[in-house]
C-alpha atoms as a PDB file:
ATOM      1  CA  MET A   1      87.688 -82.981 -81.241  1.00  0.00           C
ATOM      2  CA  THR A   2      88.787 -85.818 -78.962  1.00  0.00           C
ATOM      3  CA  ASP A   3      88.487 -89.268 -80.479  1.00  0.00           C
ATOM      4  CA  ILE A   4      85.899 -91.308 -78.627  1.00  0.00           C
ATOM      5  CA  PRO A   5      85.631 -95.067 -79.025  1.00  0.00           C
ATOM      6  CA  GLU A   6      82.501 -96.340 -80.703  1.00  0.00           C
ATOM      7  CA  THR A   7      80.212 -98.712 -78.859  1.00  0.00           C
ATOM      8  CA  ASP A   8      80.268-102.377 -79.838  1.00  0.00           C
ATOM      9  CA  ALA A   9      77.864-105.257 -79.348  1.00  0.00           C
ATOM     10  CA  THR A  10      78.684-105.660 -75.661  1.00  0.00           C
ATOM     11  CA  GLY A  11      79.908-102.156 -74.874  1.00  0.00           C
ATOM     12  CA  LEU A  12      77.821 -99.574 -73.085  1.00  0.00           C
ATOM     13  CA  LEU A  13      77.488 -95.835 -73.544  1.00  0.00           C
ATOM     14  CA  LEU A  14      77.395 -93.867 -70.290  1.00  0.00           C
ATOM     15  CA  ALA A  15      75.145 -90.789 -70.599  1.00  0.00           C
ATOM     16  CA  ILE A  16      75.262 -88.126 -67.874  1.00  0.00           C
ATOM     17  CA  ASP A  17      72.951 -85.113 -67.715  1.00  0.00           C
ATOM     18  CA  ILE A  18      73.940 -82.731 -64.919  1.00  0.00           C
ATOM     19  CA  GLY A  19      71.057 -80.535 -63.787  1.00  0.00           C
ATOM     20  CA  ASN A  20      70.727 -77.966 -61.046  1.00  0.00           C
ATOM     21  CA  THR A  21      68.895 -80.339 -58.718  1.00  0.00           C
ATOM     22  CA  SER A  22      69.875 -83.808 -59.849  1.00  0.00           C
ATOM     23  CA  VAL A  23      72.211 -85.732 -62.122  1.00  0.00           C
ATOM     24  CA  ALA A  24      70.495 -88.169 -64.495  1.00  0.00           C
ATOM     25  CA  ILE A  25      72.604 -91.149 -65.514  1.00  0.00           C
ATOM     26  CA  GLY A  26      71.753 -93.629 -68.232  1.00  0.00           C
ATOM     27  CA  LEU A  27      73.416 -96.662 -69.777  1.00  0.00           C
ATOM     28  CA  PHE A  28      72.749 -97.526 -73.401  1.00  0.00           C
ATOM     29  CA  GLU A  29      73.390-100.828 -75.121  1.00  0.00           C
ATOM     30  CA  GLY A  30      73.036 -99.741 -78.708  1.00  0.00           C
ATOM     31  CA  GLU A  31      69.776 -97.800 -78.851  1.00  0.00           C
ATOM     32  CA  GLU A  32      68.327 -99.477 -75.777  1.00  0.00           C
ATOM     33  CA  LEU A  33      68.364 -97.614 -72.472  1.00  0.00           C
ATOM     34  CA  ILE A  34      69.058-100.508 -70.110  1.00  0.00           C
ATOM     35  CA  ALA A  35      69.428 -98.635 -66.810  1.00  0.00           C
ATOM     36  CA  THR A  36      68.789 -95.186 -65.355  1.00  0.00           C
ATOM     37  CA  PHE A  37      69.845 -93.605 -62.082  1.00  0.00           C
ATOM     38  CA  ARG A  38      69.439 -90.217 -60.459  1.00  0.00           C
ATOM     39  CA  ILE A  39      71.628 -88.638 -57.784  1.00  0.00           C
ATOM     40  CA  ALA A  40      71.521 -85.244 -56.088  1.00  0.00           C
ATOM     41  CA  THR A  41      73.589 -82.431 -57.567  1.00  0.00           C
ATOM     42  CA  ASP A  42      76.189 -81.190 -55.100  1.00  0.00           C
ATOM     43  CA  GLN A  43      78.954 -78.885 -56.295  1.00  0.00           C
ATOM     44  CA  GLU A  44      80.912 -79.615 -53.118  1.00  0.00           C
ATOM     45  CA  ASN A  45      81.388 -83.293 -53.958  1.00  0.00           C
ATOM     46  CA  PHE A  46      84.827 -84.412 -55.118  1.00  0.00           C
ATOM     47  CA  PRO A  47      85.141 -86.508 -58.296  1.00  0.00           C
ATOM     48  CA  ASP A  48      85.916 -89.617 -56.255  1.00  0.00           C
ATOM     49  CA  GLU A  49      82.739 -89.097 -54.217  1.00  0.00           C
ATOM     50  CA  TYR A  50      80.651 -88.991 -57.372  1.00  0.00           C
ATOM     51  CA  ALA A  51      82.536 -92.001 -58.687  1.00  0.00           C
ATOM     52  CA  MET A  52      81.669 -93.979 -55.561  1.00  0.00           C
ATOM     53  CA  LEU A  53      77.992 -93.094 -56.029  1.00  0.00           C
ATOM     54  CA  VAL A  54      77.966 -94.072 -59.698  1.00  0.00           C
ATOM     55  CA  LEU A  55      79.893 -97.296 -59.153  1.00  0.00           C
ATOM     56  CA  GLY A  56      77.609 -98.221 -56.291  1.00  0.00           C
ATOM     57  CA  LEU A  57      74.550 -97.706 -58.473  1.00  0.00           C
ATOM     58  CA  LEU A  58      76.058 -99.814 -61.245  1.00  0.00           C
ATOM     59  CA  GLY A  59      76.555-102.546 -58.670  1.00  0.00           C
ATOM     60  CA  THR A  60      72.842-102.578 -57.843  1.00  0.00           C
ATOM     61  CA  LYS A  61      72.223-103.588 -61.480  1.00  0.00           C
ATOM     62  CA  ASP A  62      75.203-105.970 -61.669  1.00  0.00           C
ATOM     63  CA  ILE A  63      76.792-103.852 -64.392  1.00  0.00           C
ATOM     64  CA  ASP A  64      80.555-104.253 -64.734  1.00  0.00           C
ATOM     65  CA  ARG A  65      82.316-100.921 -65.241  1.00  0.00           C
ATOM     66  CA  SER A  66      84.550-102.518 -67.875  1.00  0.00           C
ATOM     67  CA  ARG A  67      81.543-102.705 -70.206  1.00  0.00           C
ATOM     68  CA  ILE A  68      81.469 -98.899 -70.452  1.00  0.00           C
ATOM     69  CA  VAL A  69      83.384 -98.011 -73.612  1.00  0.00           C
ATOM     70  CA  ALA A  70      82.213 -94.433 -74.214  1.00  0.00           C
ATOM     71  CA  ALA A  71      80.589 -91.521 -72.414  1.00  0.00           C
ATOM     72  CA  VAL A  72      78.683 -88.345 -73.226  1.00  0.00           C
ATOM     73  CA  LEU A  73      77.667 -85.600 -70.842  1.00  0.00           C
ATOM     74  CA  SER A  74      75.863 -82.285 -70.691  1.00  0.00           C
ATOM     75  CA  SER A  75      75.586 -79.835 -67.839  1.00  0.00           C
ATOM     76  CA  THR A  76      73.672 -76.764 -66.743  1.00  0.00           C
ATOM     77  CA  VAL A  77      76.131 -76.532 -63.832  1.00  0.00           C
ATOM     78  CA  PRO A  78      79.463 -75.561 -65.482  1.00  0.00           C
ATOM     79  CA  PRO A  79      81.738 -76.308 -62.478  1.00  0.00           C
ATOM     80  CA  LEU A  80      80.653 -79.950 -62.526  1.00  0.00           C
ATOM     81  CA  VAL A  81      81.738 -80.572 -66.119  1.00  0.00           C
ATOM     82  CA  MET A  82      85.367 -81.037 -65.098  1.00  0.00           C
ATOM     83  CA  THR A  83      84.290 -83.130 -62.111  1.00  0.00           C
ATOM     84  CA  PHE A  84      82.482 -85.665 -64.271  1.00  0.00           C
ATOM     85  CA  GLN A  85      85.165 -85.581 -66.953  1.00  0.00           C
ATOM     86  CA  HIS A  86      87.551 -86.725 -64.223  1.00  0.00           C
ATOM     87  CA  VAL A  87      85.102 -89.454 -63.149  1.00  0.00           C
ATOM     88  CA  CYS A  88      84.879 -90.765 -66.710  1.00  0.00           C
ATOM     89  CA  ARG A  89      88.631 -90.680 -67.306  1.00  0.00           C
ATOM     90  CA  SER A  90      89.832 -92.006 -63.960  1.00  0.00           C
ATOM     91  CA  HIS A  91      87.181 -94.590 -63.157  1.00  0.00           C
ATOM     92  CA  PHE A  92      85.907 -95.729 -66.569  1.00  0.00           C
ATOM     93  CA  GLY A  93      88.912 -95.034 -68.792  1.00  0.00           C
ATOM     94  CA  VAL A  94      86.930 -93.075 -71.389  1.00  0.00           C
ATOM     95  CA  GLU A  95      87.059 -89.482 -72.615  1.00  0.00           C
ATOM     96  CA  PRO A  96      83.507 -88.100 -72.536  1.00  0.00           C
ATOM     97  CA  LEU A  97      81.984 -86.056 -75.318  1.00  0.00           C
ATOM     98  CA  VAL A  98      80.789 -82.816 -73.705  1.00  0.00           C
ATOM     99  CA  VAL A  99      77.706 -81.356 -75.384  1.00  0.00           C
ATOM    100  CA  GLY A 100      78.228 -77.677 -76.102  1.00  0.00           C
ATOM    101  CA  PRO A 101      79.170 -75.205 -78.832  1.00  0.00           C
ATOM    102  CA  GLY A 102      80.822 -76.933 -81.766  1.00  0.00           C
ATOM    103  CA  VAL A 103      79.167 -80.296 -81.150  1.00  0.00           C
ATOM    104  CA  ARG A 104      76.867 -81.469 -83.940  1.00  0.00           C
ATOM    105  CA  THR A 105      73.233 -81.889 -82.918  1.00  0.00           C
ATOM    106  CA  GLY A 106      71.428 -81.905 -86.269  1.00  0.00           C
ATOM    107  CA  VAL A 107      69.049 -79.191 -85.069  1.00  0.00           C
ATOM    108  CA  ARG A 108      69.242 -75.640 -86.347  1.00  0.00           C
ATOM    109  CA  VAL A 109      68.994 -73.190 -83.435  1.00  0.00           C
ATOM    110  CA  LEU A 110      67.260 -69.895 -84.229  1.00  0.00           C
ATOM    111  CA  TYR A 111      67.874 -68.282 -80.832  1.00  0.00           C
ATOM    112  CA  ASP A 112      69.346 -64.767 -81.068  1.00  0.00           C
ATOM    113  CA  ASN A 113      72.528 -66.161 -79.540  1.00  0.00           C
ATOM    114  CA  PRO A 114      72.582 -69.973 -79.864  1.00  0.00           C
ATOM    115  CA  ARG A 115      75.348 -70.217 -77.245  1.00  0.00           C
ATOM    116  CA  GLU A 116      72.869 -69.002 -74.614  1.00  0.00           C
ATOM    117  CA  VAL A 117      70.596 -72.004 -75.012  1.00  0.00           C
ATOM    118  CA  GLY A 118      71.039 -74.600 -72.278  1.00  0.00           C
ATOM    119  CA  PRO A 119      72.222 -77.952 -73.644  1.00  0.00           C
ATOM    120  CA  ASP A 120      69.299 -79.719 -71.970  1.00  0.00           C
ATOM    121  CA  ARG A 121      66.848 -77.756 -74.117  1.00  0.00           C
ATOM    122  CA  ILE A 122      68.583 -78.757 -77.340  1.00  0.00           C
ATOM    123  CA  LEU A 123      68.861 -82.377 -76.200  1.00  0.00           C
ATOM    124  CA  HIS A 124      65.109 -82.459 -75.621  1.00  0.00           C
ATOM    125  CA  ALA A 125      64.515 -81.158 -79.140  1.00  0.00           C
ATOM    126  CA  VAL A 126      66.944 -83.676 -80.642  1.00  0.00           C
ATOM    127  CA  ALA A 127      65.269 -86.601 -78.868  1.00  0.00           C
ATOM    128  CA  ALA A 128      61.740 -85.440 -79.651  1.00  0.00           C
ATOM    129  CA  LEU A 129      62.490 -84.937 -83.348  1.00  0.00           C
ATOM    130  CA  ASP A 130      63.880 -88.455 -83.573  1.00  0.00           C
ATOM    131  CA  VAL A 131      60.406 -89.836 -82.781  1.00  0.00           C
ATOM    132  CA  TYR A 132      57.786 -87.188 -83.523  1.00  0.00           C
ATOM    133  CA  ASP A 133      56.958 -84.943 -86.463  1.00  0.00           C
ATOM    134  CA  PRO A 134      57.160 -81.189 -85.831  1.00  0.00           C
ATOM    135  CA  PRO A 135      55.880 -78.718 -84.864  1.00  0.00           C
ATOM    136  CA  LEU A 136      56.547 -79.588 -81.238  1.00  0.00           C
ATOM    137  CA  ILE A 137      56.097 -77.985 -77.838  1.00  0.00           C
ATOM    138  CA  ILE A 138      58.298 -79.461 -75.106  1.00  0.00           C
ATOM    139  CA  VAL A 139      57.416 -78.698 -71.485  1.00  0.00           C
ATOM    140  CA  ASP A 140      60.100 -79.545 -68.927  1.00  0.00           C
ATOM    141  CA  LEU A 141      58.810 -79.346 -65.361  1.00  0.00           C
ATOM    142  CA  GLY A 142      61.970 -79.596 -63.303  1.00  0.00           C
ATOM    143  CA  THR A 143      64.053 -77.132 -61.300  1.00  0.00           C
ATOM    144  CA  ALA A 144      62.813 -74.565 -63.799  1.00  0.00           C
ATOM    145  CA  CYS A 145      59.568 -74.709 -65.746  1.00  0.00           C
ATOM    146  CA  VAL A 146      60.791 -74.558 -69.350  1.00  0.00           C
ATOM    147  CA  PHE A 147      58.740 -74.361 -72.539  1.00  0.00           C
ATOM    148  CA  ASP A 148      60.452 -74.932 -75.894  1.00  0.00           C
ATOM    149  CA  ALA A 149      59.127 -74.616 -79.428  1.00  0.00           C
ATOM    150  CA  VAL A 150      60.235 -76.528 -82.519  1.00  0.00           C
ATOM    151  CA  SER A 151      58.953 -75.245 -85.862  1.00  0.00           C
ATOM    152  CA  ARG A 152      57.325 -77.199 -88.687  1.00  0.00           C
ATOM    153  CA  ASP A 153      60.756 -77.266 -90.336  1.00  0.00           C
ATOM    154  CA  GLY A 154      62.347 -78.868 -87.276  1.00  0.00           C
ATOM    155  CA  ASP A 155      64.166 -75.717 -86.159  1.00  0.00           C
ATOM    156  CA  TYR A 156      64.579 -74.871 -82.488  1.00  0.00           C
ATOM    157  CA  LEU A 157      62.839 -71.489 -82.131  1.00  0.00           C
ATOM    158  CA  GLY A 158      63.217 -70.665 -78.438  1.00  0.00           C
ATOM    159  CA  GLY A 159      60.815 -70.712 -75.543  1.00  0.00           C
ATOM    160  CA  ALA A 160      60.035 -69.505 -72.064  1.00  0.00           C
ATOM    161  CA  ILE A 161      61.521 -70.083 -68.610  1.00  0.00           C
ATOM    162  CA  ALA A 162      59.799 -69.720 -65.236  1.00  0.00           C
ATOM    163  CA  PRO A 163      60.694 -70.871 -61.720  1.00  0.00           C
ATOM    164  CA  GLY A 164      59.948 -74.554 -61.227  1.00  0.00           C
ATOM    165  CA  ILE A 165      57.261 -75.792 -58.864  1.00  0.00           C
ATOM    166  CA  GLY A 166      59.728 -76.859 -56.195  1.00  0.00           C
ATOM    167  CA  LEU A 167      61.814 -73.697 -56.499  1.00  0.00           C
ATOM    168  CA  ALA A 168      58.818 -71.351 -56.283  1.00  0.00           C
ATOM    169  CA  SER A 169      57.354 -73.293 -53.381  1.00  0.00           C
ATOM    170  CA  GLN A 170      60.652 -73.171 -51.485  1.00  0.00           C
ATOM    171  CA  ALA A 171      60.820 -69.402 -51.965  1.00  0.00           C
ATOM    172  CA  LEU A 172      57.289 -69.079 -50.563  1.00  0.00           C
ATOM    173  CA  PHE A 173      58.105 -71.212 -47.533  1.00  0.00           C
ATOM    174  CA  ASN A 174      61.340 -69.336 -46.857  1.00  0.00           C
ATOM    175  CA  ARG A 175      60.125 -65.782 -47.350  1.00  0.00           C
ATOM    176  CA  ALA A 176      56.640 -65.842 -45.807  1.00  0.00           C
ATOM    177  CA  ALA A 177      57.078 -66.052 -42.039  1.00  0.00           C
ATOM    178  CA  MET A 178      53.542 -67.268 -41.308  1.00  0.00           C
ATOM    179  CA  LEU A 179      53.446 -69.912 -44.056  1.00  0.00           C
ATOM    180  CA  HIS A 180      54.899 -73.296 -43.220  1.00  0.00           C
ATOM    181  CA  ARG A 181      56.144 -75.981 -45.577  1.00  0.00           C
ATOM    182  CA  VAL A 182      53.418 -78.149 -47.117  1.00  0.00           C
ATOM    183  CA  SER A 183      53.459 -81.134 -49.434  1.00  0.00           C
ATOM    184  CA  ILE A 184      52.928 -80.209 -53.059  1.00  0.00           C
ATOM    185  CA  GLU A 185      49.802 -82.068 -54.148  1.00  0.00           C
ATOM    186  CA  ARG A 186      46.347 -81.545 -55.587  1.00  0.00           C
ATOM    187  CA  PRO A 187      43.930 -80.244 -52.921  1.00  0.00           C
ATOM    188  CA  GLY A 188      40.255 -81.199 -52.974  1.00  0.00           C
ATOM    189  CA  SER A 189      39.155 -77.764 -54.120  1.00  0.00           C
ATOM    190  CA  PRO A 190      40.795 -74.663 -55.595  1.00  0.00           C
ATOM    191  CA  ILE A 191      39.189 -72.712 -52.746  1.00  0.00           C
ATOM    192  CA  GLY A 192      41.249 -73.641 -49.720  1.00  0.00           C
ATOM    193  CA  ARG A 193      39.448 -73.718 -46.368  1.00  0.00           C
ATOM    194  CA  ASN A 194      42.677 -73.661 -44.379  1.00  0.00           C
ATOM    195  CA  THR A 195      46.207 -72.382 -44.877  1.00  0.00           C
ATOM    196  CA  VAL A 196      47.633 -75.724 -45.992  1.00  0.00           C
ATOM    197  CA  ASN A 197      44.973 -76.261 -48.659  1.00  0.00           C
ATOM    198  CA  SER A 198      45.205 -72.638 -49.736  1.00  0.00           C
ATOM    199  CA  MET A 199      48.936 -72.982 -50.363  1.00  0.00           C
ATOM    200  CA  GLN A 200      48.473 -76.295 -52.134  1.00  0.00           C
ATOM    201  CA  SER A 201      45.806 -74.754 -54.334  1.00  0.00           C
ATOM    202  CA  GLY A 202      47.929 -71.776 -55.269  1.00  0.00           C
ATOM    203  CA  ILE A 203      50.924 -73.957 -56.092  1.00  0.00           C
ATOM    204  CA  PHE A 204      49.179 -76.846 -57.825  1.00  0.00           C
ATOM    205  CA  PHE A 205      46.383 -75.117 -59.731  1.00  0.00           C
ATOM    206  CA  GLY A 206      48.562 -72.083 -60.371  1.00  0.00           C
ATOM    207  CA  TYR A 207      51.106 -74.195 -62.248  1.00  0.00           C
ATOM    208  CA  VAL A 208      48.395 -76.178 -64.031  1.00  0.00           C
ATOM    209  CA  GLU A 209      46.957 -72.952 -65.414  1.00  0.00           C
ATOM    210  CA  MET A 210      50.368 -71.579 -66.324  1.00  0.00           C
ATOM    211  CA  VAL A 211      51.161 -74.719 -68.324  1.00  0.00           C
ATOM    212  CA  ARG A 212      47.787 -74.639 -70.065  1.00  0.00           C
ATOM    213  CA  GLY A 213      48.124 -70.958 -70.851  1.00  0.00           C
ATOM    214  CA  MET A 214      51.670 -71.157 -72.167  1.00  0.00           C
ATOM    215  CA  VAL A 215      50.861 -74.166 -74.337  1.00  0.00           C
ATOM    216  CA  ARG A 216      47.877 -72.282 -75.762  1.00  0.00           C
ATOM    217  CA  ARG A 217      50.048 -69.270 -76.571  1.00  0.00           C
ATOM    218  CA  PHE A 218      52.767 -71.413 -78.171  1.00  0.00           C
ATOM    219  CA  LYS A 219      50.201 -73.199 -80.342  1.00  0.00           C
ATOM    220  CA  ALA A 220      48.847 -69.852 -81.486  1.00  0.00           C
ATOM    221  CA  GLU A 221      52.305 -69.081 -82.878  1.00  0.00           C
ATOM    222  CA  ILE A 222      53.604 -72.377 -84.250  1.00  0.00           C
ATOM    223  CA  GLY A 223      50.372 -74.201 -85.074  1.00  0.00           C
ATOM    224  CA  GLU A 224      47.414 -75.723 -83.296  1.00  0.00           C
ATOM    225  CA  GLU A 225      48.520 -79.169 -84.463  1.00  0.00           C
ATOM    226  CA  ALA A 226      51.756 -78.946 -82.463  1.00  0.00           C
ATOM    227  CA  LEU A 227      52.421 -82.066 -80.409  1.00  0.00           C
ATOM    228  CA  VAL A 228      52.894 -81.294 -76.699  1.00  0.00           C
ATOM    229  CA  ILE A 229      55.547 -83.380 -74.946  1.00  0.00           C
ATOM    230  CA  GLY A 230      55.962 -83.347 -71.176  1.00  0.00           C
ATOM    231  CA  THR A 231      59.107 -84.244 -69.259  1.00  0.00           C
ATOM    232  CA  GLY A 232      60.798 -83.448 -65.945  1.00  0.00           C
ATOM    233  CA  GLY A 233      60.359 -84.503 -62.349  1.00  0.00           C
ATOM    234  CA  TYR A 234      57.077 -82.695 -61.716  1.00  0.00           C
ATOM    235  CA  VAL A 235      55.291 -83.487 -64.976  1.00  0.00           C
ATOM    236  CA  ASN A 236      53.345 -86.511 -63.716  1.00  0.00           C
ATOM    237  CA  MET A 237      52.031 -84.453 -60.819  1.00  0.00           C
ATOM    238  CA  ILE A 238      50.104 -82.046 -63.010  1.00  0.00           C
ATOM    239  CA  ALA A 239      49.782 -83.818 -66.377  1.00  0.00           C
ATOM    240  CA  GLU A 240      46.302 -85.245 -65.823  1.00  0.00           C
ATOM    241  CA  GLU A 241      44.877 -82.004 -64.421  1.00  0.00           C
ATOM    242  CA  ALA A 242      46.481 -79.869 -67.120  1.00  0.00           C
ATOM    243  CA  GLY A 243      45.068 -82.069 -69.866  1.00  0.00           C
ATOM    244  CA  CYS A 244      47.258 -80.525 -72.564  1.00  0.00           C
ATOM    245  CA  PHE A 245      50.022 -83.111 -72.919  1.00  0.00           C
ATOM    246  CA  ASP A 246      49.932 -85.517 -75.840  1.00  0.00           C
ATOM    247  CA  VAL A 247      52.764 -87.667 -74.534  1.00  0.00           C
ATOM    248  CA  ILE A 248      55.054 -87.927 -71.507  1.00  0.00           C
ATOM    249  CA  GLU A 249      58.719 -88.777 -72.142  1.00  0.00           C
ATOM    250  CA  ALA A 250      60.684 -89.329 -68.948  1.00  0.00           C
ATOM    251  CA  ASP A 251      64.108 -89.843 -70.541  1.00  0.00           C
ATOM    252  CA  LEU A 252      64.255 -87.220 -73.302  1.00  0.00           C
ATOM    253  CA  ASN A 253      67.525 -85.833 -71.952  1.00  0.00           C
ATOM    254  CA  LEU A 254      69.298 -89.182 -71.930  1.00  0.00           C
ATOM    255  CA  THR A 255      68.004 -90.174 -75.352  1.00  0.00           C
ATOM    256  CA  GLY A 256      69.144 -86.814 -76.688  1.00  0.00           C
ATOM    257  CA  LEU A 257      72.626 -87.451 -75.321  1.00  0.00           C
ATOM    258  CA  ARG A 258      72.811 -90.798 -77.123  1.00  0.00           C
ATOM    259  CA  LEU A 259      71.678 -89.274 -80.405  1.00  0.00           C
ATOM    260  CA  VAL A 260      74.173 -86.398 -80.168  1.00  0.00           C
ATOM    261  CA  PHE A 261      76.947 -88.839 -79.338  1.00  0.00           C
ATOM    262  CA  GLU A 262      76.099 -90.913 -82.398  1.00  0.00           C
ATOM    263  CA  ALA A 263      75.964 -87.806 -84.599  1.00  0.00           C
ATOM    264  CA  ASN A 264      79.531 -86.930 -83.602  1.00  0.00           C
ATOM    265  CA  GLN A 265      81.131 -90.295 -84.401  1.00  0.00           C
END
């Protein structure tokens, strides 16, 4: 494994979580997350283009790049791993720890083939277990709608994956010739009186009921006392209506990256 410098009192850890839709970037000073940024995922971008974006964002917070002494990254978009490795090496002078097989996480994975589990799902479990007692149900409402279960013993059991709200809505807009794009929001009634409200109802209330139903089914298997944690870009949209979340954690992925980095020092 590549030696990675440890953070010091003034040094910062750069955490990068590359998703299908966006790249989440966080800066940690010790355990404190002092800044977060989000940029669009684009496989066509060159490393220097991403570097310009990241450096520009650091500038908005008056953060000197020289303070970054270590980096950790995970990706659900394999081609971008090398891109961001180059960014870290060339523009920050650090060799990033890439979360993947062989990297210690402290969580036992009971998937049939642990290598099939996306790193983001394990990072969520790592971060959640650092704060909350299991069993846990983690609901990530992002590009995909992902449900993960952590047993009473703190083992990652597996979960369920469905198209995310934005992805499913885009498919509807693209494939149904008579249905035009609408904003995704809660309509006044589940019974739409026009096409726009009907689509909003199907999208919004449909996902609310899916989340409720999946959480109910997970609890039936791992325990009714399971804590339900929500995360992802769409979670705040439906959390209140769904009424099944115990806590919302916006930065589970970044916190998980920090914890995995620390576990591998």
